[in-house]
Each structure stands twice: as C-alpha cells, then as structure tokens.
Protein backbone atom coordinates (compact mmCIF):
# COMPACT_ATOMS: atom_id res chain seq x y z
CA UNK A 1 98.64 255.82 227.53
CA UNK A 2 98.72 254.97 224.23
CA UNK A 3 100.99 256.43 221.66
CA UNK A 4 99.19 258.38 218.57
CA UNK A 5 99.07 255.44 215.30
CA UNK A 6 101.60 254.88 213.29
CA UNK A 7 102.81 258.00 210.39
CA UNK A 8 100.87 257.21 207.58
CA UNK A 9 104.14 256.66 205.26
CA UNK A 10 104.94 253.50 207.87
CA UNK A 11 107.84 254.75 208.67
CA UNK A 12 108.79 253.40 211.95
CA UNK A 13 109.39 256.07 214.81
CA UNK A 14 113.23 255.32 216.40
CA UNK A 15 113.72 255.53 220.01
CA UNK A 16 116.91 254.01 222.22
CA UNK A 17 114.79 251.54 223.73
CA UNK A 18 112.05 248.89 223.59
CA UNK A 19 110.85 247.69 226.97
CA UNK A 20 108.10 244.42 225.96
CA UNK A 21 106.12 244.17 229.43
CA UNK A 22 105.64 246.33 231.43
CA UNK A 23 105.20 243.92 234.63
CA UNK A 24 107.43 244.19 237.90
CA UNK A 25 110.75 244.59 235.33
CA UNK A 26 109.04 246.18 232.71
CA UNK A 27 108.21 248.89 234.97
CA UNK A 28 112.16 249.36 236.57
CA UNK A 29 113.73 249.19 232.71
CA UNK A 30 111.69 252.20 232.21
CA UNK A 31 112.80 254.07 234.87
CA UNK A 32 116.14 253.36 234.71
CA UNK A 33 116.95 253.66 230.81
CA UNK A 34 114.44 257.03 230.48
CA UNK A 35 116.24 258.89 233.52
CA UNK A 36 119.29 257.59 231.91
CA UNK A 37 118.56 259.71 229.30
CA UNK A 38 117.59 257.26 226.55
CA UNK A 39 114.32 257.59 224.81
CA UNK A 40 112.41 254.09 225.25
CA UNK A 41 108.96 252.48 224.25
CA UNK A 42 107.17 249.70 225.81
CA UNK A 43 104.59 247.66 225.23
CA UNK A 44 102.06 246.02 227.92
CA UNK A 45 99.59 243.33 226.11
CA UNK A 46 97.36 244.30 229.24
CA UNK A 47 95.36 247.25 229.74
CA UNK A 48 97.70 248.10 232.43
CA UNK A 49 100.90 248.11 234.30
CA UNK A 50 101.72 244.70 236.09
CA UNK A 51 102.41 241.81 233.93
CA UNK A 52 101.11 238.64 236.44
CA UNK A 53 100.06 240.31 238.41
CA UNK A 54 97.20 242.11 236.11
CA UNK A 55 96.79 238.24 234.45
CA UNK A 56 96.29 236.32 237.80
CA UNK A 57 93.55 237.36 239.98
CA UNK A 58 91.49 234.12 240.83
CA UNK A 59 90.36 233.86 244.14
CA UNK A 60 92.89 233.20 246.86
CA UNK A 61 96.49 234.72 244.35
CA UNK A 62 99.41 235.93 247.09
CA UNK A 63 102.41 236.37 247.04
CA UNK A 64 105.20 233.58 248.54
CA UNK A 65 107.35 236.62 249.90
CA UNK A 66 107.21 238.59 251.73
CA UNK A 67 105.61 241.67 250.68
CA UNK A 68 108.16 243.93 252.86
CA UNK A 69 110.75 241.77 251.15
CA UNK A 70 108.69 241.85 247.08
CA UNK A 71 109.58 245.63 246.68
CA UNK A 72 111.83 247.75 245.15
CA UNK A 73 114.29 248.86 246.83
CA UNK A 74 115.94 251.52 243.99
CA UNK A 75 114.22 254.46 245.87
CA UNK A 76 114.44 254.55 249.17
CA UNK A 77 111.10 257.44 249.65
CA UNK A 78 109.39 254.89 248.31
CA UNK A 79 109.98 251.98 250.43
CA UNK A 80 109.06 254.42 253.34
CA UNK A 81 105.76 256.11 251.38
CA UNK A 82 104.84 252.37 250.72
CA UNK A 83 102.39 250.69 253.55
CA UNK A 84 102.23 246.51 253.34
CA UNK A 85 98.70 245.89 254.85
CA UNK A 86 100.17 242.31 255.35
CA UNK A 87 103.17 239.95 255.13
CA UNK A 88 101.96 237.63 252.03
CA UNK A 89 100.29 240.17 250.41
CA UNK A 90 97.42 239.25 248.05
CA UNK A 91 96.88 240.25 244.42
CA UNK A 92 95.39 243.02 244.13
CA UNK A 93 97.67 245.25 247.33
CA UNK A 94 100.43 243.99 244.81
CA UNK A 95 98.67 245.11 242.05
CA UNK A 96 97.71 248.84 243.59
CA UNK A 97 101.49 248.90 244.08
CA UNK A 98 102.46 248.42 241.06
CA UNK A 99 100.40 251.34 239.44
CA UNK A 100 101.22 253.55 242.45
CA UNK A 101 104.86 253.06 241.00
CA UNK A 102 103.98 253.89 237.33
CA UNK A 103 102.44 256.29 238.58
CA UNK A 104 104.88 258.14 240.71
CA UNK A 105 107.80 257.48 238.55
CA UNK A 106 105.25 259.37 235.24
CA UNK A 107 105.82 255.61 233.63
CA UNK A 108 102.65 255.46 231.53
CA UNK A 109 103.63 257.94 229.25
CA UNK A 110 106.04 255.67 227.95
CA UNK A 111 104.38 252.52 227.22
CA UNK A 112 101.35 251.26 224.59
CA UNK A 113 99.15 249.54 226.51
CA UNK A 114 96.57 246.89 224.69
CA UNK A 115 99.26 246.29 222.33
CA UNK A 116 101.16 242.68 221.50
CA UNK A 117 104.82 242.65 219.80
CA UNK A 118 104.48 240.24 217.46
CA UNK A 119 107.98 240.59 215.28
CA UNK A 120 111.87 241.87 217.11
CA UNK A 121 114.10 241.39 213.01
CA UNK A 122 117.39 242.43 213.15
CA UNK A 123 118.73 244.51 210.89
CA UNK A 124 122.68 243.55 211.05
CA UNK A 125 124.27 246.53 209.65
CA UNK A 126 122.71 248.77 211.94
CA UNK A 127 122.35 246.74 214.13
CA UNK A 128 119.35 248.41 215.35
CA UNK A 129 115.55 245.77 216.17
CA UNK A 130 112.65 246.16 214.27
CA UNK A 131 109.70 246.18 216.39
CA UNK A 132 106.47 245.23 214.82
CA UNK A 133 103.01 245.16 217.14
CA UNK A 134 99.50 243.23 216.32
CA UNK A 135 98.25 246.75 215.33
CA UNK A 136 100.46 247.14 212.89
CA UNK A 137 102.56 249.34 214.65
CA UNK A 138 106.66 250.47 214.18
CA UNK A 139 109.58 251.27 216.15
CA UNK A 140 113.80 250.80 215.26
CA UNK A 141 115.56 250.30 218.18
CA UNK A 142 119.08 250.30 219.34
CA UNK A 143 118.40 248.17 222.05
CA UNK A 144 115.32 245.64 222.91
CA UNK A 145 114.79 244.16 226.39
CA UNK A 146 111.86 241.75 227.00
CA UNK A 147 110.60 241.75 230.25
CA UNK A 148 107.33 239.32 229.38
CA UNK A 149 108.07 238.00 232.94
CA UNK A 150 108.96 234.13 233.07
CA UNK A 151 105.57 232.74 234.28
CA UNK A 152 103.17 235.25 231.47
CA UNK A 153 102.22 232.08 228.88
CA UNK A 154 99.97 229.94 230.01
CA UNK A 155 99.87 226.43 229.34
CA UNK A 156 95.75 225.62 228.07
CA UNK A 157 96.25 221.23 227.92
CA UNK A 158 95.12 219.52 224.97
CA UNK A 159 91.98 217.17 226.92
CA UNK A 160 89.73 215.47 223.76
CA UNK A 161 86.64 217.95 223.84
CA UNK A 162 87.46 220.95 225.97
CA UNK A 163 85.96 222.95 223.54
CA UNK A 164 82.41 220.93 223.93
CA UNK A 165 81.90 221.92 227.26
CA UNK A 166 78.81 224.16 227.86
CA UNK A 167 79.54 225.03 231.01
CA UNK A 168 81.44 227.91 232.13
CA UNK A 169 85.77 227.68 231.17
CA UNK A 170 88.03 230.16 233.16
CA UNK A 171 91.71 229.80 233.00
CA UNK A 172 93.35 230.63 236.59
CA UNK A 173 96.32 233.22 234.62
CA UNK A 174 93.68 234.85 232.95
CA UNK A 175 90.71 235.61 235.16
CA UNK A 176 88.19 238.17 234.57
CA UNK A 177 88.65 241.56 236.03
CA UNK A 178 84.69 241.55 237.36
CA UNK A 179 85.47 238.33 239.47
CA UNK A 180 83.43 235.34 238.60
CA UNK A 181 80.81 234.17 240.92
CA UNK A 182 80.54 230.07 241.81
CA UNK A 183 78.30 230.25 244.30
CA UNK A 184 76.03 227.37 244.06
CA UNK A 185 77.60 225.53 241.58
CA UNK A 186 79.51 222.49 240.46
CA UNK A 187 82.83 223.32 240.11
CA UNK A 188 86.08 220.86 238.45
CA UNK A 189 89.72 222.44 239.29
CA UNK A 190 91.96 220.94 236.61
CA UNK A 191 95.56 220.91 238.23
CA UNK A 192 97.19 221.28 241.97
CA UNK A 193 100.50 223.70 241.32
CA UNK A 194 100.59 226.49 243.54
CA UNK A 195 97.51 228.59 241.81
CA UNK A 196 95.47 225.43 241.81
CA UNK A 197 96.64 225.02 245.35
CA UNK A 198 95.17 228.69 246.37
CA UNK A 199 92.63 229.17 244.39
CA UNK A 200 91.42 225.77 245.27
CA UNK A 201 90.08 226.37 249.39
CA UNK A 202 88.35 229.48 248.12
CA UNK A 203 86.47 228.05 245.33
CA UNK A 204 85.22 225.64 247.92
CA UNK A 205 83.95 227.88 250.02
CA UNK A 206 81.54 229.31 247.06
CA UNK A 207 81.22 226.37 245.46
CA UNK A 208 77.92 223.41 246.26
CA UNK A 209 80.50 221.08 244.90
CA UNK A 210 84.63 220.69 244.39
CA UNK A 211 85.90 218.21 242.07
CA UNK A 212 89.66 218.28 242.16
CA UNK A 213 91.66 216.52 239.25
CA UNK A 214 94.95 216.15 240.65
CA UNK A 215 97.35 214.52 238.52
CA UNK A 216 100.82 215.52 240.87
CA UNK A 217 100.52 216.29 244.30
CA UNK A 218 103.05 219.00 245.31
CA UNK A 219 104.11 220.10 248.58
CA UNK A 220 102.72 223.12 249.99
CA UNK A 221 103.66 225.22 253.41
CA UNK A 222 101.08 227.30 255.24
CA UNK A 223 101.89 231.01 254.34
CA UNK A 224 101.46 231.71 258.40
CA UNK A 225 99.98 235.40 256.93
CA UNK A 226 98.66 237.74 259.36
CA UNK A 227 97.79 241.61 259.16
CA UNK A 228 101.33 243.82 259.70
CA UNK A 229 100.38 246.14 262.95
CA UNK A 230 102.00 249.52 262.57
CA UNK A 231 104.85 248.45 264.87
CA UNK A 232 106.27 245.55 263.00
CA UNK A 233 105.80 247.81 259.89
CA UNK A 234 108.46 251.05 261.30
CA UNK A 235 110.60 248.40 262.24
CA UNK A 236 110.63 246.89 258.59
CA UNK A 237 111.36 250.02 257.37
CA UNK A 238 114.58 251.41 259.97
CA UNK A 239 115.98 248.38 259.42
CA UNK A 240 115.91 248.36 255.23
CA UNK A 241 119.09 249.32 255.16
CA UNK A 242 120.01 246.01 256.24
CA UNK A 243 117.21 243.76 255.14
CA UNK A 244 118.68 244.51 252.07
CA UNK A 245 121.47 243.84 252.38
CA UNK A 246 121.25 240.46 253.75
CA UNK A 247 118.56 240.16 250.43
CA UNK A 248 121.23 240.56 247.74
CA UNK A 249 124.10 237.54 249.77
CA UNK A 250 121.11 235.40 249.77
CA UNK A 251 120.69 233.02 247.81
CA UNK A 252 117.10 233.43 247.15
CA UNK A 253 116.78 237.12 247.28
CA UNK A 254 115.52 237.37 250.97
CA UNK A 255 117.03 237.89 254.42
CA UNK A 256 116.64 234.31 255.79
CA UNK A 257 119.59 232.38 256.75
CA UNK A 258 119.84 228.67 256.85
CA UNK A 259 120.68 226.26 259.24
CA UNK A 260 124.77 227.16 259.60
CA UNK A 261 124.36 222.73 259.71
CA UNK A 262 123.84 219.50 257.98
CA UNK A 263 120.78 218.70 259.14
CA UNK A 264 121.70 215.32 259.20
CA UNK A 265 124.81 216.63 261.85
CA UNK A 266 122.32 217.95 264.57
CA UNK A 267 119.97 216.46 266.86
CA UNK A 268 117.05 215.70 266.19
CA UNK A 269 115.56 218.65 268.58
CA UNK A 270 117.82 219.96 267.25
CA UNK A 271 116.35 219.94 263.28
CA UNK A 272 112.47 219.18 264.08
CA UNK A 273 112.92 222.73 266.34
CA UNK A 274 114.58 224.44 262.99
CA UNK A 275 111.49 222.86 260.98
CA UNK A 276 109.53 224.28 263.05
CA UNK A 277 110.76 227.77 262.94
CA UNK A 278 111.11 228.08 259.06
CA UNK A 279 106.71 226.47 259.19
CA UNK A 280 105.60 229.14 261.55
CA UNK A 281 108.04 231.55 259.12
CA UNK A 282 105.87 230.06 256.18
CA UNK A 283 106.06 230.24 252.41
CA UNK A 284 108.77 228.27 249.90
CA UNK A 285 111.87 228.92 252.01
CA UNK A 286 110.73 226.08 254.10
CA UNK A 287 113.18 223.90 251.88
CA UNK A 288 116.46 225.87 252.76
CA UNK A 289 115.84 225.67 256.36
CA UNK A 290 119.18 223.54 256.37
CA UNK A 291 122.03 224.20 253.65
CA UNK A 292 122.06 220.35 251.92
CA UNK A 293 118.04 220.30 251.97
CA UNK A 294 118.70 220.39 247.81
CA UNK A 295 121.92 218.18 247.37
CA UNK A 296 122.02 215.38 250.10
CA UNK A 297 118.99 212.81 249.72
CA UNK A 298 119.09 211.84 253.46
CA UNK A 299 118.63 215.59 253.97
CA UNK A 300 115.98 215.85 252.14
CA UNK A 301 114.06 212.89 253.26
CA UNK A 302 114.05 214.56 256.99
CA UNK A 303 112.48 217.62 255.68
CA UNK A 304 110.33 215.07 253.97
CA UNK A 305 108.62 213.32 256.92
CA UNK A 306 108.50 216.37 259.16
CA UNK A 307 106.18 218.24 255.95
CA UNK A 308 104.25 214.47 255.90
CA UNK A 309 103.93 214.49 259.89
CA UNK A 310 102.05 218.36 259.44
CA UNK A 311 99.65 216.93 256.55
CA UNK A 312 98.13 213.89 258.05
CA UNK A 313 97.65 215.66 261.27
CA UNK A 314 95.53 217.92 259.30
CA UNK A 315 93.58 215.38 257.17
CA UNK A 316 90.96 213.84 258.32
CA UNK A 317 90.71 211.44 255.58
CA UNK A 318 94.13 209.46 255.88
CA UNK A 319 94.03 207.54 252.35
CA UNK A 320 92.90 211.10 250.81
CA UNK A 321 95.96 212.80 253.07
CA UNK A 322 98.21 209.63 251.36
CA UNK A 323 97.34 210.90 248.42
CA UNK A 324 97.90 214.62 248.31
CA UNK A 325 101.45 213.67 249.53
CA UNK A 326 103.93 213.42 246.47
CA UNK A 327 105.95 210.63 246.20
CA UNK A 328 107.36 211.21 243.02
CA UNK A 329 110.21 214.04 243.88
CA UNK A 330 112.49 215.57 246.67
CA UNK A 331 110.49 218.21 248.73
CA UNK A 332 111.34 221.73 247.01
CA UNK A 333 112.64 220.04 243.79
CA UNK A 334 109.72 221.20 242.89
CA UNK A 335 108.29 224.94 243.86
CA UNK A 336 107.32 224.80 247.19
CA UNK A 337 103.89 226.24 247.26
CA UNK A 338 102.41 228.67 249.86
CA UNK A 339 98.97 227.89 250.53
CA UNK A 340 95.91 229.24 253.14
CA UNK A 341 94.35 225.93 254.58
CA UNK A 342 94.18 223.52 251.27
CA UNK A 343 94.94 220.39 252.88
CA UNK A 344 92.02 221.46 255.39
CA UNK A 345 89.53 221.39 252.69
CA UNK A 346 89.62 217.99 252.28
CA UNK A 347 88.03 217.84 255.05
CA UNK A 348 85.12 219.70 253.63
CA UNK A 349 81.47 218.21 252.19
CA UNK A 350 81.21 219.45 249.67
CA UNK A 351 84.70 218.83 248.24
CA UNK A 352 86.52 215.75 246.66
CA UNK A 353 89.62 214.72 245.46
CA UNK A 354 90.08 212.76 241.70
CA UNK A 355 93.60 211.41 241.76
CA UNK A 356 94.05 211.32 237.63
CA UNK A 357 97.24 208.78 237.99
CA UNK A 358 93.82 206.05 239.31
CA UNK A 359 91.76 207.58 236.63
CA UNK A 360 92.82 210.24 234.10
CA UNK A 361 90.65 212.33 232.33
CA UNK A 362 89.11 210.30 229.40
CA UNK A 363 87.60 213.38 227.53
CA UNK A 364 85.73 216.76 227.66
CA UNK A 365 82.19 216.40 227.55
CA UNK A 366 79.26 218.90 227.40
CA UNK A 367 78.37 218.23 230.04
CA UNK A 368 80.91 217.78 232.56
CA UNK A 369 84.71 216.00 232.94
CA UNK A 370 84.89 211.69 231.49
CA UNK A 371 87.22 209.94 234.03
CA UNK A 372 86.19 206.31 232.78
CA UNK A 373 84.71 204.61 235.50
CA UNK A 374 82.44 207.61 236.13
CA UNK A 375 81.45 211.28 234.07
CA UNK A 376 81.33 214.02 236.74
CA UNK A 377 78.39 216.56 236.44
CA UNK A 378 80.01 220.07 235.94
CA UNK A 379 78.43 223.44 236.13
CA UNK A 380 81.72 225.29 235.77
CA UNK A 381 86.08 223.76 234.73
CA UNK A 382 89.14 225.99 236.00
CA UNK A 383 92.49 225.27 234.59
CA UNK A 384 94.83 225.74 237.59
CA UNK A 385 97.38 224.24 234.44
CA UNK A 386 100.55 226.36 235.07
CA UNK A 387 102.91 228.01 232.45
CA UNK A 388 105.14 227.14 229.26
CA UNK A 389 107.62 228.42 231.39
CA UNK A 390 110.38 230.36 231.38
CA UNK A 391 110.48 230.59 227.59
CA UNK A 392 106.86 230.12 226.14
CA UNK A 393 106.21 233.91 226.24
CA UNK A 394 108.95 234.47 223.79
CA UNK A 395 108.63 232.26 221.38
CA UNK A 396 104.93 233.48 220.69
CA UNK A 397 107.71 236.76 219.01
CA UNK A 398 109.17 235.95 216.46
CA UNK A 399 112.37 237.24 216.85
CA UNK A 400 115.01 237.20 213.75
CA UNK A 401 118.28 237.90 214.26
CA UNK A 402 121.99 237.13 212.75
CA UNK A 403 121.64 235.65 209.03
CA UNK A 404 117.85 235.45 209.40
CA UNK A 405 117.79 231.95 212.71
CA UNK A 406 115.22 232.82 214.97
CA UNK A 407 115.68 232.85 218.67
CA UNK A 408 112.77 229.57 218.39
CA UNK A 409 115.39 228.14 215.35
CA UNK A 410 118.77 228.77 218.28
CA UNK A 411 116.84 227.20 221.19
CA UNK A 412 115.54 224.21 219.54
CA UNK A 413 117.75 221.86 222.19
CA UNK A 414 116.30 224.64 224.97
CA UNK A 415 117.44 227.47 225.91
CA UNK A 416 121.19 228.81 225.60
CA UNK A 417 121.89 232.30 227.08
CA UNK A 418 124.96 233.90 228.84
CA UNK A 419 124.25 235.61 232.27
CA UNK A 420 120.60 234.98 231.61
CA UNK A 421 121.24 237.59 229.90
CA UNK A 422 122.37 237.81 226.38
CA UNK A 423 122.74 235.52 223.07
CA UNK A 424 124.61 234.71 220.92
CA UNK A 425 123.91 235.67 217.31
CA UNK A 426 120.65 238.75 219.15
CA UNK A 427 123.12 241.42 219.85
CA UNK A 428 121.60 244.27 221.95
CA UNK A 429 118.70 242.09 222.90
CA UNK A 430 118.18 241.38 226.89
CA UNK A 431 115.71 239.13 228.08
CA UNK A 432 114.74 240.13 232.23
CA UNK A 433 114.45 237.29 234.81
CA UNK A 434 114.28 234.12 231.82
CA UNK A 435 116.63 231.06 231.64
CA UNK A 436 120.16 230.86 232.71
CA UNK A 437 119.44 233.39 235.66
CA UNK A 438 118.04 232.37 239.10
CA UNK A 439 114.89 233.59 237.77
CA UNK A 440 111.50 231.77 239.09
CA UNK A 441 114.23 231.05 242.37
CA UNK A 442 115.06 234.20 243.37
CA UNK A 443 112.59 237.42 244.63
CA UNK A 444 112.37 238.22 241.26
CA UNK A 445 111.54 242.37 242.32
CA UNK A 446 115.52 242.36 243.48
CA UNK A 447 116.24 240.04 240.62
CA UNK A 448 114.43 242.33 238.39
CA UNK A 449 116.33 245.92 239.26
CA UNK A 450 119.45 242.97 239.82
CA UNK A 451 119.72 242.18 235.43
CA UNK A 452 118.32 246.16 234.71
CA UNK A 453 120.94 247.72 236.39
CA UNK A 454 123.70 245.42 235.30
CA UNK A 455 122.06 245.82 231.79
CA UNK A 456 121.55 249.63 231.64
CA UNK A 457 125.88 250.35 232.90
CA UNK A 458 126.69 248.48 230.52
CA UNK A 459 124.25 250.43 227.63
CA UNK A 460 126.15 253.46 229.19
CA UNK A 461 129.76 251.78 228.64
CA UNK A 462 129.30 251.01 225.25
CA UNK A 463 127.88 254.72 224.78
CA UNK A 464 131.31 256.31 226.82
CA UNK A 465 133.08 254.08 223.86
CA UNK A 466 131.14 255.00 220.42
CA UNK A 467 129.35 251.26 219.81
CA UNK A 468 126.63 250.50 218.40
CA UNK A 469 125.84 248.07 221.07
CA UNK A 470 127.23 244.41 222.64
CA UNK A 471 126.68 240.69 222.10
CA UNK A 472 127.03 237.73 224.41
CA UNK A 473 129.81 235.29 221.89
CA UNK A 474 129.63 231.70 221.38
CA UNK A 475 132.13 230.34 223.78
CA UNK A 476 130.63 232.65 226.20
CA UNK A 477 127.34 231.24 225.63
CA UNK A 478 128.52 227.39 226.30
CA UNK A 479 130.31 228.07 229.07
CA UNK A 480 127.42 229.17 230.72
CA UNK A 481 124.59 226.71 229.79
CA UNK A 482 128.35 223.83 231.02
CA UNK A 483 127.78 225.78 233.83
CA UNK A 484 124.10 226.47 234.79
CA UNK A 485 123.90 222.17 234.12
CA UNK A 486 126.78 221.34 236.01
CA UNK A 487 125.33 223.26 238.56
CA UNK A 488 121.84 222.11 238.09
CA UNK A 489 123.54 218.36 238.42
CA UNK A 490 125.07 218.47 242.10
CA UNK A 491 121.41 219.39 243.24
CA UNK A 492 118.20 216.89 243.59
CA UNK A 493 116.15 219.66 241.53
CA UNK A 494 116.86 217.35 238.25
CA UNK A 495 114.77 214.42 239.89
CA UNK A 496 111.66 215.94 239.49
CA UNK A 497 109.30 216.20 236.43
CA UNK A 498 108.74 220.18 237.13
CA UNK A 499 107.73 223.27 234.93
CA UNK A 500 111.86 223.94 236.28
CA UNK A 501 112.73 221.53 233.10
CA UNK A 502 109.61 221.93 230.76
CA UNK A 503 108.04 219.25 231.60
CA UNK A 504 105.01 220.27 231.55
CA UNK A 505 104.63 220.75 228.21
CA UNK A 506 104.25 218.38 225.76
CA UNK A 507 107.08 218.28 223.60
CA UNK A 508 109.56 220.98 225.16
CA UNK A 509 113.48 220.29 225.19
CA UNK A 510 114.21 218.68 229.35
CA UNK A 511 116.53 221.22 230.02
CA UNK A 512 116.78 222.53 233.96
CA UNK A 513 117.26 226.45 232.64
CA UNK A 514 117.30 228.47 236.13
CA UNK A 515 120.25 229.06 237.69
CA UNK A 516 120.87 227.07 240.92
CA UNK A 517 124.12 228.58 242.60
CA UNK A 518 122.21 231.21 244.23
CA UNK A 519 120.97 235.25 244.04
CA UNK A 520 123.81 236.13 246.25
CA UNK A 521 126.18 234.26 243.73
CA UNK A 522 124.74 234.77 240.79
CA UNK A 523 124.92 238.56 241.39
CA UNK A 524 129.01 238.48 241.82
CA UNK A 525 128.90 236.60 238.99
CA UNK A 526 127.47 239.82 237.61
CA UNK A 527 129.76 241.82 238.99
CA UNK A 528 133.11 239.77 237.83
CA UNK A 529 131.98 240.33 234.61
CA UNK A 530 131.22 243.91 234.49
CA UNK A 531 134.84 244.53 236.38
CA UNK A 532 136.79 242.18 233.64
CA UNK A 533 135.40 244.45 230.99
CA UNK A 534 132.11 243.45 230.52
CA UNK A 535 134.70 239.43 229.76
CA UNK A 536 132.28 237.32 227.36
CA UNK A 537 130.52 239.93 225.85
CA UNK A 538 131.52 242.16 222.94
CA UNK A 539 131.29 245.82 221.55
CA UNK A 540 130.11 245.96 218.00
CA UNK A 541 129.93 248.50 215.87
CA UNK A 542 131.33 252.32 215.19
CA UNK A 543 128.31 254.91 216.30
CA UNK A 544 127.03 256.59 213.77
CA UNK A 545 125.84 260.56 213.70
CA UNK A 546 122.62 259.36 212.80
CA UNK A 547 122.19 257.09 215.13
CA UNK A 548 120.74 259.13 216.89
CA UNK A 549 122.00 258.77 220.92
CA UNK A 550 120.13 260.23 224.33
CA UNK A 551 121.00 263.01 224.51
C-alpha cells in the first residue's frame, strides 16, 4: 500500500526506522523492527514485494537453494503451514510465498510501492537520516536499513548500436510480468551466466531459431528437480529444527556437509562416488563436495575433470562441447549455476552457439547483431548480462554521511565495511547481505534473518543505554577489510574474473567483495562481537527528550 503524499508544508515525517527494499531481507526487517516497537517506513521501487523475485520473471527462473531451506525460520507456524511443491522452487512459487508472508504479518501497511529512494542524508547533530524519494516524499529516521539485495542493479552492456535495434529487447532482470511471447521468432540471447543458463532451454522451446552469444563459458550442475510428495514434505517439516541448526552452522546456509577428507586423500572410486552423490543432489553444493575444492588447485582439478566428463557425455558435437567447457577459472570460483537441460539444448537443430572470444560482437544493427564475419538477423534480443553486483544498487542512491562525504566516494577504491553491516562515517546506516558479509555465498533467507536480528539487538542495546545510535570505527573497518582480503587470498576464488570481484563492470575496482570464511564462522563472529559489547562499534550521543523513541 502507499501512504499519503507529503504534507503541504513539506516538513518530513519522523519515524524510527526506514527500510529501503521489500524483498526477502526488507520484509523481515519491517516485521522484526515493528515487532520490537519501532515505528517503520518501507520503500520499494517495484509494484509489489519480492525483490529479485518480483523483477526476475524470465522463463526458467528458479532458485538454486532447496526450497525447504530457502524460507524463513523466524516463525514455526509459517514453516509448518507453507507447502513447497518442488525441490527447487520456481520464481512464481517463491513470489507467492513472499506475498503470503507480507499478508500474513500485515507488512503492506508499512510499504510505499513504486517509490525509489534517491537521497539519504545524515544530520550530524541529531544523527538522523533524511530520506527523500523520487516522488518527493521526505522522512526523517533514526536508523536507515538498506535491503536492496546484492543482485538488483541490472548490468546493461554498452554495445554500439543497441538503441538502433528495431526488434524487441528484454533484460532478464526486468522481464514483463505478463511474459514475452517468443514463439516462432529469431532470438538472440547475450550472456550465459545463471539467468542465461536458466532461460536458454525454455526460450529454445519457443523460438524458431536461437543464437546464444557466449563470452565466458560457465560451470553448471543439473538441478535434479522433482515434485515434493506429501510424505517427503511431512518429513521435512518434522525435521525442521535440526535442519535449521545444521544450516546455521554450515558454510553456505544449508544442512549438507562436505566429505570429511581431502579430495586427494580418498581413492578415485570414493571420490567419484562423492561427486556423483552431489551431482544427484544438484545445484551449487557441488563445489562443496570436498573441503579443499576451493583451496587446493589439484583437488579442484578432480572436480573439474568429473564435471567435464559429464558435459561431454550429453553434448553431441565435441567442438560445441569444447566451447561450453570453461578453461579460464577453477570450478566454483565463479558461482556454479543450476540448470534444467542447458547443455542438452545445444543438441537442438534450432540452437546455435556463438563464441564471442572467437567472433566478438562488433555492433548491434537495426536488424540484428554484427559479429564481424557475418550479420545475424534477429527479431528479439534477450540481455542475460547479469548485475552490477553487491554495490550497484547502493550507487544509485545519493548517500551522504559525515562531512558531506558520499558512500560512493568512501568506497571509491572498493567497498569498506565492518562485518558487512556498518560503515565508518555513516552512523545508524546498516546494509544487509552486501559486501563484507557471506552474501551470495550463503542461503540469502537465513542470512537476512541473521543480519536483521543482529541489527535489531544492537539498536535495542543503544536504546536501553539512552544513546542516539551506533557507528563502526575506522580501525574496525580497516581490520575487517584486511581479514576479508586475507581469507579470499587463501582460496582459489580470486582466480576467476567474476562479479564477486566486480570484473563484469568496466572501471569497477577489483576487490573480492564477499566474506569467504563460511556462514557458520561468520555467525560466530557476529555473536562474539555482540557479546563483547559490540566490539568495533561506538555508541553515540545522548537521546534528547524530543527524540521520539519507540514506545
């Protein structure tokens, strides 16, 4: 719902907490802070809740975390009442779930939809944030929570002639809600990351002819998806408590554990059996079959060889198979994709692979795509070109902290946070599931709950102490940035030109942005910091009588 327009005198309304974004993290933030007695205001650029699942409606869109785990844990009755239908839920089912959560907990009353936050400015005296939107609404808030999501700022490549194309152009992250009919059309898909790999098989079923423009080959694992029957669903629900405990202590927020031994310490037979089990499980967890897969190149090679044999077995043309197999990074150093017959799609007569490393796009013309050696006529172009990940959504907002410094200026050489939550110079501003946290390396639902609960407890501590807020110290930020860099350097992850590093965005600083130490380790660090009086944070100011504390 949308609240009334600003008052005629333009004086801003005052609330305790502003939450920017109404996806998975934003919805839980609104629920938790309201439950704790804070007054809240949420803003969402889209026309409904869901975040990434509101916008990414492209054919084949599906989560790569098991649906039973990719769900809120904060309410036991919600866990028991909701029935997931598939092992890996599709976009429509996830969106229905999030809409159900918003209705069930009466969250829509707090959200202004179709409203984009454009300015966040700190009042250094009151330590309040003034929030301004694109429709002129202004609010003052003690705390500001950015719940924009690490994958919400679309990357539209600067290809010469893009605007001249007379056919239709669609980005996977802004797919029309009513869908796109590609039946009988000549379609070109640019990009073979996660969204491209999911969309291409479905588009191939509709199109008369499909050209797939691949710059970088990617590793992908079959989802192994299947319906969840009543007996399996009942067992999941009965075991939720243990499943959640295992997930919270794990490396990635799921209950599955790596093999106890190194990939190099077991027999070839045992190693292949372990890989086969993970292959049947499906999804991103293949990279966590053995504990040293992403730290030891030789161990990683065993996983890569197993994967390559699987792909060559299902692609008919050996030359095409060779182009679909990555040669430039260890398996798992980029996020492993989850697919539904992606590689088999290239056996279809109406599908053709264009290797852009051999024949790069020269320009887009009125009628198609020119790759130098030939021009390819198309009726529709799909941009599956991903996101300006982790920081792009924050860059869209003019966030001004102490001394008039913007967050973009503070992060000019790369994002700098403490625990992925606080930024020195920006008191009472907290970012959820972004750089400096496990972020996309973990189950984003449990990660969002972890972040929101920690922030809510910190805010409660400041309120009990009669303080105006909380700010990360410069020394704490320096130490955390160094720790994140050190942990990343101890892995194979930085060897890939991935969006984890910002490598897909020209001019973006190259810094490995997520915390790679594991979700359980990170959770323990947060708990230790809180238990030590929020070590690395300063509690600020004294609450004035007119501070409008939550009652």
